[in-house]
All heavy atoms as atom14 arrays in JSON, in Angstrom:
{
  "sequence": "GENARIGANSFIIMHDVPANSTVVGTPARIVKLDGKRVDQEMS",
  "atom14_mask": [
    [1, 1, 1, 1, 0, 0, 0, 0, 0, 0, 0, 0, 0, 0],
    [1, 1, 1, 1, 1, 1, 1, 1, 1, 0, 0, 0, 0, 0],
    [1, 1, 1, 1, 1, 1, 1, 1, 0, 0, 0, 0, 0, 0],
    [1, 1, 1, 1, 1, 0, 0, 0, 0, 0, 0, 0, 0, 0],
    [1, 1, 1, 1, 1, 1, 1, 1, 1, 1, 1, 0, 0, 0],
    [1, 1, 1, 1, 1, 1, 1, 1, 0, 0, 0, 0, 0, 0],
    [1, 1, 1, 1, 0, 0, 0, 0, 0, 0, 0, 0, 0, 0],
    [1, 1, 1, 1, 1, 0, 0, 0, 0, 0, 0, 0, 0, 0],
    [1, 1, 1, 1, 1, 1, 1, 1, 0, 0, 0, 0, 0, 0],
    [1, 1, 1, 1, 1, 1, 0, 0, 0, 0, 0, 0, 0, 0],
    [1, 1, 1, 1, 1, 1, 1, 1, 1, 1, 1, 0, 0, 0],
    [1, 1, 1, 1, 1, 1, 1, 1, 0, 0, 0, 0, 0, 0],
    [1, 1, 1, 1, 1, 1, 1, 1, 0, 0, 0, 0, 0, 0],
    [1, 1, 1, 1, 1, 1, 1, 1, 0, 0, 0, 0, 0, 0],
    [1, 1, 1, 1, 1, 1, 1, 1, 1, 1, 0, 0, 0, 0],
    [1, 1, 1, 1, 1, 1, 1, 1, 0, 0, 0, 0, 0, 0],
    [1, 1, 1, 1, 1, 1, 1, 0, 0, 0, 0, 0, 0, 0],
    [1, 1, 1, 1, 1, 1, 1, 0, 0, 0, 0, 0, 0, 0],
    [1, 1, 1, 1, 1, 0, 0, 0, 0, 0, 0, 0, 0, 0],
    [1, 1, 1, 1, 1, 1, 1, 1, 0, 0, 0, 0, 0, 0],
    [1, 1, 1, 1, 1, 1, 0, 0, 0, 0, 0, 0, 0, 0],
    [1, 1, 1, 1, 1, 1, 1, 0, 0, 0, 0, 0, 0, 0],
    [1, 1, 1, 1, 1, 1, 1, 0, 0, 0, 0, 0, 0, 0],
    [1, 1, 1, 1, 1, 1, 1, 0, 0, 0, 0, 0, 0, 0],
    [1, 1, 1, 1, 0, 0, 0, 0, 0, 0, 0, 0, 0, 0],
    [1, 1, 1, 1, 1, 1, 1, 0, 0, 0, 0, 0, 0, 0],
    [1, 1, 1, 1, 1, 1, 1, 0, 0, 0, 0, 0, 0, 0],
    [1, 1, 1, 1, 1, 0, 0, 0, 0, 0, 0, 0, 0, 0],
    [1, 1, 1, 1, 1, 1, 1, 1, 1, 1, 1, 0, 0, 0],
    [1, 1, 1, 1, 1, 1, 1, 1, 0, 0, 0, 0, 0, 0],
    [1, 1, 1, 1, 1, 1, 1, 0, 0, 0, 0, 0, 0, 0],
    [1, 1, 1, 1, 1, 1, 1, 1, 1, 0, 0, 0, 0, 0],
    [1, 1, 1, 1, 1, 1, 1, 1, 0, 0, 0, 0, 0, 0],
    [1, 1, 1, 1, 1, 1, 1, 1, 0, 0, 0, 0, 0, 0],
    [1, 1, 1, 1, 0, 0, 0, 0, 0, 0, 0, 0, 0, 0],
    [1, 1, 1, 1, 1, 1, 1, 1, 1, 0, 0, 0, 0, 0],
    [1, 1, 1, 1, 1, 1, 1, 1, 1, 1, 1, 0, 0, 0],
    [1, 1, 1, 1, 1, 1, 1, 0, 0, 0, 0, 0, 0, 0],
    [1, 1, 1, 1, 1, 1, 1, 1, 0, 0, 0, 0, 0, 0],
    [1, 1, 1, 1, 1, 1, 1, 1, 1, 0, 0, 0, 0, 0],
    [1, 1, 1, 1, 1, 1, 1, 1, 1, 0, 0, 0, 0, 0],
    [1, 1, 1, 1, 1, 1, 1, 1, 0, 0, 0, 0, 0, 0],
    [1, 1, 1, 1, 1, 1, 0, 0, 0, 0, 0, 0, 0, 0]
  ],
  "atom14_positions": [
    [[98.8, 8.66, -73.99], [97.65, 7.83, -73.66], [96.61, 7.77, -74.76], [96.6, 8.57, -75.71], [0.0, 0.0, 0.0], [0.0, 0.0, 0.0], [0.0, 0.0, 0.0], [0.0, 0.0, 0.0], [0.0, 0.0, 0.0], [0.0, 0.0, 0.0], [0.0, 0.0, 0.0], [0.0, 0.0, 0.0], [0.0, 0.0, 0.0], [0.0, 0.0, 0.0]],
    [[95.69, 6.83, -74.62], [94.64, 6.62, -75.62], [93.77, 7.86, -75.79], [93.51, 8.59, -74.83], [93.77, 5.42, -75.24], [94.5, 4.09, -75.3], [93.56, 2.91, -75.17], [92.35, 3.13, -74.95], [94.04, 1.77, -75.3], [0.0, 0.0, 0.0], [0.0, 0.0, 0.0], [0.0, 0.0, 0.0], [0.0, 0.0, 0.0], [0.0, 0.0, 0.0]],
    [[93.36, 8.07, -77.04], [92.43, 9.16, -77.4], [93.03, 10.55, -77.18], [92.28, 11.54, -77.15], [91.12, 9.05, -76.63], [90.49, 7.67, -76.77], [90.33, 7.16, -77.87], [90.17, 7.05, -75.63], [0.0, 0.0, 0.0], [0.0, 0.0, 0.0], [0.0, 0.0, 0.0], [0.0, 0.0, 0.0], [0.0, 0.0, 0.0], [0.0, 0.0, 0.0]],
    [[94.34, 10.63, -77.03], [94.98, 11.94, -76.85], [95.09, 12.66, -78.2], [95.12, 12.03, -79.26], [96.36, 11.77, -76.23], [0.0, 0.0, 0.0], [0.0, 0.0, 0.0], [0.0, 0.0, 0.0], [0.0, 0.0, 0.0], [0.0, 0.0, 0.0], [0.0, 0.0, 0.0], [0.0, 0.0, 0.0], [0.0, 0.0, 0.0], [0.0, 0.0, 0.0]],
    [[95.15, 13.98, -78.13], [95.32, 14.82, -79.31], [96.5, 15.76, -79.05], [96.51, 16.49, -78.05], [94.06, 15.61, -79.62], [92.85, 14.72, -79.9], [91.58, 15.53, -80.11], [91.63, 16.32, -81.33], [91.31, 15.87, -82.54], [90.92, 14.61, -82.69], [91.36, 16.67, -83.6], [0.0, 0.0, 0.0], [0.0, 0.0, 0.0], [0.0, 0.0, 0.0]],
    [[97.47, 15.73, -79.96], [98.66, 16.56, -79.83], [98.62, 17.62, -80.93], [98.59, 17.31, -82.12], [99.94, 15.71, -79.95], [99.98, 14.67, -78.82], [101.18, 16.59, -79.91], [101.13, 13.71, -78.9], [0.0, 0.0, 0.0], [0.0, 0.0, 0.0], [0.0, 0.0, 0.0], [0.0, 0.0, 0.0], [0.0, 0.0, 0.0], [0.0, 0.0, 0.0]],
    [[98.59, 18.88, -80.52], [98.45, 19.97, -81.47], [99.67, 20.18, -82.35], [100.78, 19.74, -82.02], [0.0, 0.0, 0.0], [0.0, 0.0, 0.0], [0.0, 0.0, 0.0], [0.0, 0.0, 0.0], [0.0, 0.0, 0.0], [0.0, 0.0, 0.0], [0.0, 0.0, 0.0], [0.0, 0.0, 0.0], [0.0, 0.0, 0.0], [0.0, 0.0, 0.0]],
    [[99.45, 20.86, -83.47], [100.54, 21.17, -84.39], [101.63, 21.97, -83.69], [101.37, 22.83, -82.86], [100.0, 21.96, -85.58], [0.0, 0.0, 0.0], [0.0, 0.0, 0.0], [0.0, 0.0, 0.0], [0.0, 0.0, 0.0], [0.0, 0.0, 0.0], [0.0, 0.0, 0.0], [0.0, 0.0, 0.0], [0.0, 0.0, 0.0], [0.0, 0.0, 0.0]],
    [[102.88, 21.63, -84.03], [104.08, 22.31, -83.5], [104.28, 22.13, -82.0], [105.08, 22.85, -81.39], [104.04, 23.81, -83.83], [104.15, 24.08, -85.32], [105.13, 23.67, -85.95], [103.16, 24.73, -85.89], [0.0, 0.0, 0.0], [0.0, 0.0, 0.0], [0.0, 0.0, 0.0], [0.0, 0.0, 0.0], [0.0, 0.0, 0.0], [0.0, 0.0, 0.0]],
    [[103.58, 21.18, -81.4], [103.81, 20.91, -79.97], [105.19, 20.27, -79.77], [105.67, 19.52, -80.62], [102.74, 19.96, -79.43], [101.46, 20.57, -79.48], [0.0, 0.0, 0.0], [0.0, 0.0, 0.0], [0.0, 0.0, 0.0], [0.0, 0.0, 0.0], [0.0, 0.0, 0.0], [0.0, 0.0, 0.0], [0.0, 0.0, 0.0], [0.0, 0.0, 0.0]],
    [[105.81, 20.6, -78.64], [107.11, 20.03, -78.32], [107.01, 19.32, -76.97], [106.67, 19.94, -75.96], [108.18, 21.13, -78.24], [109.55, 20.61, -77.93], [110.34, 20.08, -78.94], [110.05, 20.65, -76.64], [111.62, 19.59, -78.65], [111.32, 20.16, -76.35], [112.11, 19.64, -77.37], [0.0, 0.0, 0.0], [0.0, 0.0, 0.0], [0.0, 0.0, 0.0]],
    [[107.31, 18.02, -76.98], [107.2, 17.2, -75.77], [108.49, 16.43, -75.59], [108.91, 15.68, -76.48], [106.02, 16.2, -75.87], [104.72, 16.93, -76.18], [105.89, 15.39, -74.59], [103.58, 16.0, -76.56], [0.0, 0.0, 0.0], [0.0, 0.0, 0.0], [0.0, 0.0, 0.0], [0.0, 0.0, 0.0], [0.0, 0.0, 0.0], [0.0, 0.0, 0.0]],
    [[109.14, 16.62, -74.44], [110.35, 15.86, -74.15], [110.26, 15.35, -72.72], [110.11, 16.12, -71.77], [111.62, 16.72, -74.37], [112.88, 15.92, -74.01], [111.57, 18.04, -73.61], [114.18, 16.59, -74.44], [0.0, 0.0, 0.0], [0.0, 0.0, 0.0], [0.0, 0.0, 0.0], [0.0, 0.0, 0.0], [0.0, 0.0, 0.0], [0.0, 0.0, 0.0]],
    [[110.32, 14.03, -72.58], [110.35, 13.34, -71.29], [109.18, 13.72, -70.38], [109.33, 13.86, -69.17], [111.69, 13.58, -70.6], [112.87, 12.96, -71.33], [112.64, 11.17, -71.63], [112.63, 10.52, -69.96], [0.0, 0.0, 0.0], [0.0, 0.0, 0.0], [0.0, 0.0, 0.0], [0.0, 0.0, 0.0], [0.0, 0.0, 0.0], [0.0, 0.0, 0.0]],
    [[108.01, 13.92, -70.98], [106.77, 14.11, -70.23], [105.67, 13.28, -70.88], [105.59, 13.22, -72.12], [106.35, 15.59, -70.2], [107.13, 16.41, -69.22], [108.44, 16.8, -69.46], [106.79, 16.92, -68.0], [108.87, 17.51, -68.43], [107.89, 17.6, -67.53], [0.0, 0.0, 0.0], [0.0, 0.0, 0.0], [0.0, 0.0, 0.0], [0.0, 0.0, 0.0]],
    [[104.84, 12.64, -70.07], [103.79, 11.77, -70.59], [102.51, 12.56, -70.86], [102.15, 13.47, -70.1], [103.49, 10.64, -69.61], [104.66, 9.66, -69.49], [105.46, 9.58, -70.45], [104.77, 8.99, -68.45], [0.0, 0.0, 0.0], [0.0, 0.0, 0.0], [0.0, 0.0, 0.0], [0.0, 0.0, 0.0], [0.0, 0.0, 0.0], [0.0, 0.0, 0.0]],
    [[101.82, 12.15, -71.92], [100.54, 12.77, -72.28], [99.42, 11.87, -71.76], [99.34, 10.71, -72.15], [100.42, 12.94, -73.8], [99.07, 13.55, -74.17], [101.57, 13.78, -74.35], [0.0, 0.0, 0.0], [0.0, 0.0, 0.0], [0.0, 0.0, 0.0], [0.0, 0.0, 0.0], [0.0, 0.0, 0.0], [0.0, 0.0, 0.0], [0.0, 0.0, 0.0]],
    [[98.55, 12.36, -70.87], [97.5, 11.51, -70.32], [96.45, 11.13, -71.36], [96.27, 11.84, -72.37], [96.9, 12.36, -69.2], [97.24, 13.76, -69.55], [98.53, 13.72, -70.3], [0.0, 0.0, 0.0], [0.0, 0.0, 0.0], [0.0, 0.0, 0.0], [0.0, 0.0, 0.0], [0.0, 0.0, 0.0], [0.0, 0.0, 0.0], [0.0, 0.0, 0.0]],
    [[95.75, 10.04, -71.12], [94.67, 9.62, -72.0], [93.55, 10.67, -72.0], [93.38, 11.41, -71.03], [94.12, 8.27, -71.54], [0.0, 0.0, 0.0], [0.0, 0.0, 0.0], [0.0, 0.0, 0.0], [0.0, 0.0, 0.0], [0.0, 0.0, 0.0], [0.0, 0.0, 0.0], [0.0, 0.0, 0.0], [0.0, 0.0, 0.0], [0.0, 0.0, 0.0]],
    [[92.84, 10.73, -73.12], [91.67, 11.62, -73.26], [92.01, 13.09, -73.02], [91.24, 13.82, -72.4], [90.55, 11.18, -72.29], [90.19, 9.72, -72.46], [89.89, 9.28, -73.57], [90.26, 8.97, -71.37], [0.0, 0.0, 0.0], [0.0, 0.0, 0.0], [0.0, 0.0, 0.0], [0.0, 0.0, 0.0], [0.0, 0.0, 0.0], [0.0, 0.0, 0.0]],
    [[93.19, 13.48, -73.49], [93.62, 14.87, -73.29], [94.0, 15.51, -74.61], [94.24, 14.83, -75.62], [94.82, 14.93, -72.33], [95.97, 14.36, -72.95], [0.0, 0.0, 0.0], [0.0, 0.0, 0.0], [0.0, 0.0, 0.0], [0.0, 0.0, 0.0], [0.0, 0.0, 0.0], [0.0, 0.0, 0.0], [0.0, 0.0, 0.0], [0.0, 0.0, 0.0]],
    [[94.07, 16.83, -74.59], [94.6, 17.61, -75.71], [95.76, 18.44, -75.19], [95.63, 19.11, -74.16], [93.53, 18.54, -76.31], [92.44, 17.75, -76.8], [94.1, 19.36, -77.45], [0.0, 0.0, 0.0], [0.0, 0.0, 0.0], [0.0, 0.0, 0.0], [0.0, 0.0, 0.0], [0.0, 0.0, 0.0], [0.0, 0.0, 0.0], [0.0, 0.0, 0.0]],
    [[96.9, 18.36, -75.88], [98.07, 19.14, -75.46], [98.53, 20.02, -76.62], [98.49, 19.61, -77.78], [99.22, 18.25, -74.96], [98.75, 17.37, -73.82], [99.77, 17.38, -76.08], [0.0, 0.0, 0.0], [0.0, 0.0, 0.0], [0.0, 0.0, 0.0], [0.0, 0.0, 0.0], [0.0, 0.0, 0.0], [0.0, 0.0, 0.0], [0.0, 0.0, 0.0]],
    [[98.97, 21.23, -76.3], [99.46, 22.15, -77.31], [100.6, 22.97, -76.72], [100.74, 23.1, -75.5], [98.35, 23.12, -77.8], [97.2, 22.36, -78.45], [97.83, 23.97, -76.66], [0.0, 0.0, 0.0], [0.0, 0.0, 0.0], [0.0, 0.0, 0.0], [0.0, 0.0, 0.0], [0.0, 0.0, 0.0], [0.0, 0.0, 0.0], [0.0, 0.0, 0.0]],
    [[101.42, 23.54, -77.6], [102.42, 24.49, -77.16], [103.84, 23.97, -77.14], [104.11, 22.8, -77.36], [0.0, 0.0, 0.0], [0.0, 0.0, 0.0], [0.0, 0.0, 0.0], [0.0, 0.0, 0.0], [0.0, 0.0, 0.0], [0.0, 0.0, 0.0], [0.0, 0.0, 0.0], [0.0, 0.0, 0.0], [0.0, 0.0, 0.0], [0.0, 0.0, 0.0]],
    [[104.76, 24.92, -76.87], [106.19, 24.62, -76.79], [106.76, 25.28, -75.54], [106.94, 26.51, -75.54], [106.93, 25.14, -78.02], [106.35, 24.58, -79.19], [108.4, 24.78, -77.98], [0.0, 0.0, 0.0], [0.0, 0.0, 0.0], [0.0, 0.0, 0.0], [0.0, 0.0, 0.0], [0.0, 0.0, 0.0], [0.0, 0.0, 0.0], [0.0, 0.0, 0.0]],
    [[107.0, 24.54, -74.46], [106.69, 23.11, -74.31], [105.18, 22.88, -74.18], [104.43, 23.77, -73.77], [107.43, 22.74, -73.01], [107.44, 24.01, -72.22], [107.6, 25.11, -73.24], [0.0, 0.0, 0.0], [0.0, 0.0, 0.0], [0.0, 0.0, 0.0], [0.0, 0.0, 0.0], [0.0, 0.0, 0.0], [0.0, 0.0, 0.0], [0.0, 0.0, 0.0]],
    [[104.74, 21.68, -74.52], [103.3, 21.4, -74.55], [102.7, 21.37, -73.15], [103.35, 20.95, -72.18], [103.06, 20.06, -75.25], [0.0, 0.0, 0.0], [0.0, 0.0, 0.0], [0.0, 0.0, 0.0], [0.0, 0.0, 0.0], [0.0, 0.0, 0.0], [0.0, 0.0, 0.0], [0.0, 0.0, 0.0], [0.0, 0.0, 0.0], [0.0, 0.0, 0.0]],
    [[101.46, 21.85, -73.05], [100.68, 21.81, -71.82], [99.33, 21.18, -72.11], [98.84, 21.22, -73.25], [100.48, 23.23, -71.25], [101.75, 23.89, -70.78], [101.48, 25.3, -70.27], [100.59, 25.3, -69.11], [101.01, 25.17, -67.84], [102.29, 25.03, -67.59], [100.14, 25.21, -66.85], [0.0, 0.0, 0.0], [0.0, 0.0, 0.0], [0.0, 0.0, 0.0]],
    [[98.71, 20.64, -71.09], [97.38, 20.06, -71.23], [96.35, 21.18, -71.22], [96.29, 21.96, -70.27], [97.09, 19.07, -70.09], [98.18, 18.0, -70.0], [95.72, 18.42, -70.27], [98.11, 17.16, -68.74], [0.0, 0.0, 0.0], [0.0, 0.0, 0.0], [0.0, 0.0, 0.0], [0.0, 0.0, 0.0], [0.0, 0.0, 0.0], [0.0, 0.0, 0.0]],
    [[95.55, 21.26, -72.29], [94.52, 22.3, -72.36], [93.1, 21.7, -72.28], [92.13, 22.44, -72.11], [94.65, 23.14, -73.64], [95.97, 23.9, -73.63], [94.54, 22.28, -74.89], [0.0, 0.0, 0.0], [0.0, 0.0, 0.0], [0.0, 0.0, 0.0], [0.0, 0.0, 0.0], [0.0, 0.0, 0.0], [0.0, 0.0, 0.0], [0.0, 0.0, 0.0]],
    [[93.0, 20.39, -72.42], [91.71, 19.73, -72.25], [91.95, 18.33, -71.7], [92.86, 17.63, -72.16], [90.94, 19.65, -73.57], [89.55, 19.05, -73.44], [88.79, 19.04, -74.76], [88.33, 20.44, -75.12], [87.43, 20.42, -76.32], [0.0, 0.0, 0.0], [0.0, 0.0, 0.0], [0.0, 0.0, 0.0], [0.0, 0.0, 0.0], [0.0, 0.0, 0.0]],
    [[91.16, 17.93, -70.71], [91.31, 16.63, -70.09], [89.93, 16.07, -69.77], [89.15, 16.72, -69.06], [92.15, 16.73, -68.82], [92.47, 15.43, -68.08], [93.28, 14.48, -68.96], [93.23, 15.71, -66.79], [0.0, 0.0, 0.0], [0.0, 0.0, 0.0], [0.0, 0.0, 0.0], [0.0, 0.0, 0.0], [0.0, 0.0, 0.0], [0.0, 0.0, 0.0]],
    [[89.63, 14.89, -70.32], [88.32, 14.25, -70.11], [87.17, 15.19, -70.47], [86.15, 15.26, -69.76], [88.18, 13.76, -68.67], [89.16, 12.66, -68.33], [89.45, 11.83, -69.21], [89.65, 12.63, -67.19], [0.0, 0.0, 0.0], [0.0, 0.0, 0.0], [0.0, 0.0, 0.0], [0.0, 0.0, 0.0], [0.0, 0.0, 0.0], [0.0, 0.0, 0.0]],
    [[87.36, 15.94, -71.55], [86.3, 16.8, -72.05], [86.19, 18.15, -71.38], [85.35, 18.97, -71.76], [0.0, 0.0, 0.0], [0.0, 0.0, 0.0], [0.0, 0.0, 0.0], [0.0, 0.0, 0.0], [0.0, 0.0, 0.0], [0.0, 0.0, 0.0], [0.0, 0.0, 0.0], [0.0, 0.0, 0.0], [0.0, 0.0, 0.0], [0.0, 0.0, 0.0]],
    [[87.03, 18.45, -70.4], [86.97, 19.72, -69.68], [88.22, 20.55, -69.97], [89.33, 20.01, -70.02], [86.86, 19.47, -68.18], [85.6, 18.71, -67.77], [85.57, 18.49, -66.28], [84.31, 17.73, -65.86], [84.27, 17.47, -64.39], [0.0, 0.0, 0.0], [0.0, 0.0, 0.0], [0.0, 0.0, 0.0], [0.0, 0.0, 0.0], [0.0, 0.0, 0.0]],
    [[88.05, 21.85, -70.12], [89.17, 22.75, -70.36], [90.0, 22.91, -69.09], [89.46, 23.18, -68.02], [88.69, 24.11, -70.85], [88.06, 24.06, -72.25], [87.82, 25.43, -72.81], [87.3, 25.37, -74.16], [88.04, 25.22, -75.26], [89.36, 25.11, -75.14], [87.49, 25.18, -76.46], [0.0, 0.0, 0.0], [0.0, 0.0, 0.0], [0.0, 0.0, 0.0]],
    [[91.29, 22.78, -69.25], [92.21, 22.91, -68.12], [93.47, 23.64, -68.59], [93.61, 23.94, -69.77], [92.6, 21.53, -67.54], [91.39, 20.8, -66.99], [93.3, 20.68, -68.6], [0.0, 0.0, 0.0], [0.0, 0.0, 0.0], [0.0, 0.0, 0.0], [0.0, 0.0, 0.0], [0.0, 0.0, 0.0], [0.0, 0.0, 0.0], [0.0, 0.0, 0.0]],
    [[94.37, 23.89, -67.68], [95.69, 24.43, -68.01], [96.67, 23.79, -67.04], [96.92, 24.31, -65.95], [95.7, 25.96, -67.89], [97.05, 26.54, -68.28], [97.86, 25.81, -68.89], [97.3, 27.73, -67.97], [0.0, 0.0, 0.0], [0.0, 0.0, 0.0], [0.0, 0.0, 0.0], [0.0, 0.0, 0.0], [0.0, 0.0, 0.0], [0.0, 0.0, 0.0]],
    [[97.22, 22.64, -67.46], [98.05, 21.84, -66.56], [99.36, 21.46, -67.25], [99.43, 21.33, -68.47], [97.32, 20.55, -66.16], [96.03, 20.75, -65.39], [95.37, 19.43, -65.06], [95.95, 18.36, -65.28], [94.17, 19.48, -64.53], [0.0, 0.0, 0.0], [0.0, 0.0, 0.0], [0.0, 0.0, 0.0], [0.0, 0.0, 0.0], [0.0, 0.0, 0.0]],
    [[100.38, 21.28, -66.42], [101.62, 20.7, -66.9], [101.48, 19.18, -66.97], [100.69, 18.59, -66.24], [102.77, 21.06, -65.98], [103.12, 22.54, -65.95], [104.33, 22.82, -65.09], [104.8, 21.89, -64.4], [104.8, 23.97, -65.11], [0.0, 0.0, 0.0], [0.0, 0.0, 0.0], [0.0, 0.0, 0.0], [0.0, 0.0, 0.0], [0.0, 0.0, 0.0]],
    [[102.24, 18.57, -67.84], [102.25, 17.12, -67.93], [103.22, 16.53, -66.91], [104.15, 17.2, -66.46], [102.64, 16.67, -69.34], [101.62, 17.06, -70.4], [102.12, 16.52, -72.05], [103.54, 17.58, -72.33], [0.0, 0.0, 0.0], [0.0, 0.0, 0.0], [0.0, 0.0, 0.0], [0.0, 0.0, 0.0], [0.0, 0.0, 0.0], [0.0, 0.0, 0.0]],
    [[102.99, 15.28, -66.55], [103.85, 14.61, -65.58], [105.14, 14.14, -66.24], [105.11, 13.63, -67.37], [103.13, 13.41, -64.97], [101.95, 13.81, -64.32], [0.0, 0.0, 0.0], [0.0, 0.0, 0.0], [0.0, 0.0, 0.0], [0.0, 0.0, 0.0], [0.0, 0.0, 0.0], [0.0, 0.0, 0.0], [0.0, 0.0, 0.0], [0.0, 0.0, 0.0]]
  ]
}
């Protein structure tokens, strides 16, 4: 999605990254969404 940030070495397979989010990790997880810190799996 728009304005998303994908961290270095992130691994994403068949999961969508929401807009205005930051994802990191292997497999990647959402660590920030709409400016707030979170810890969520992607859809």
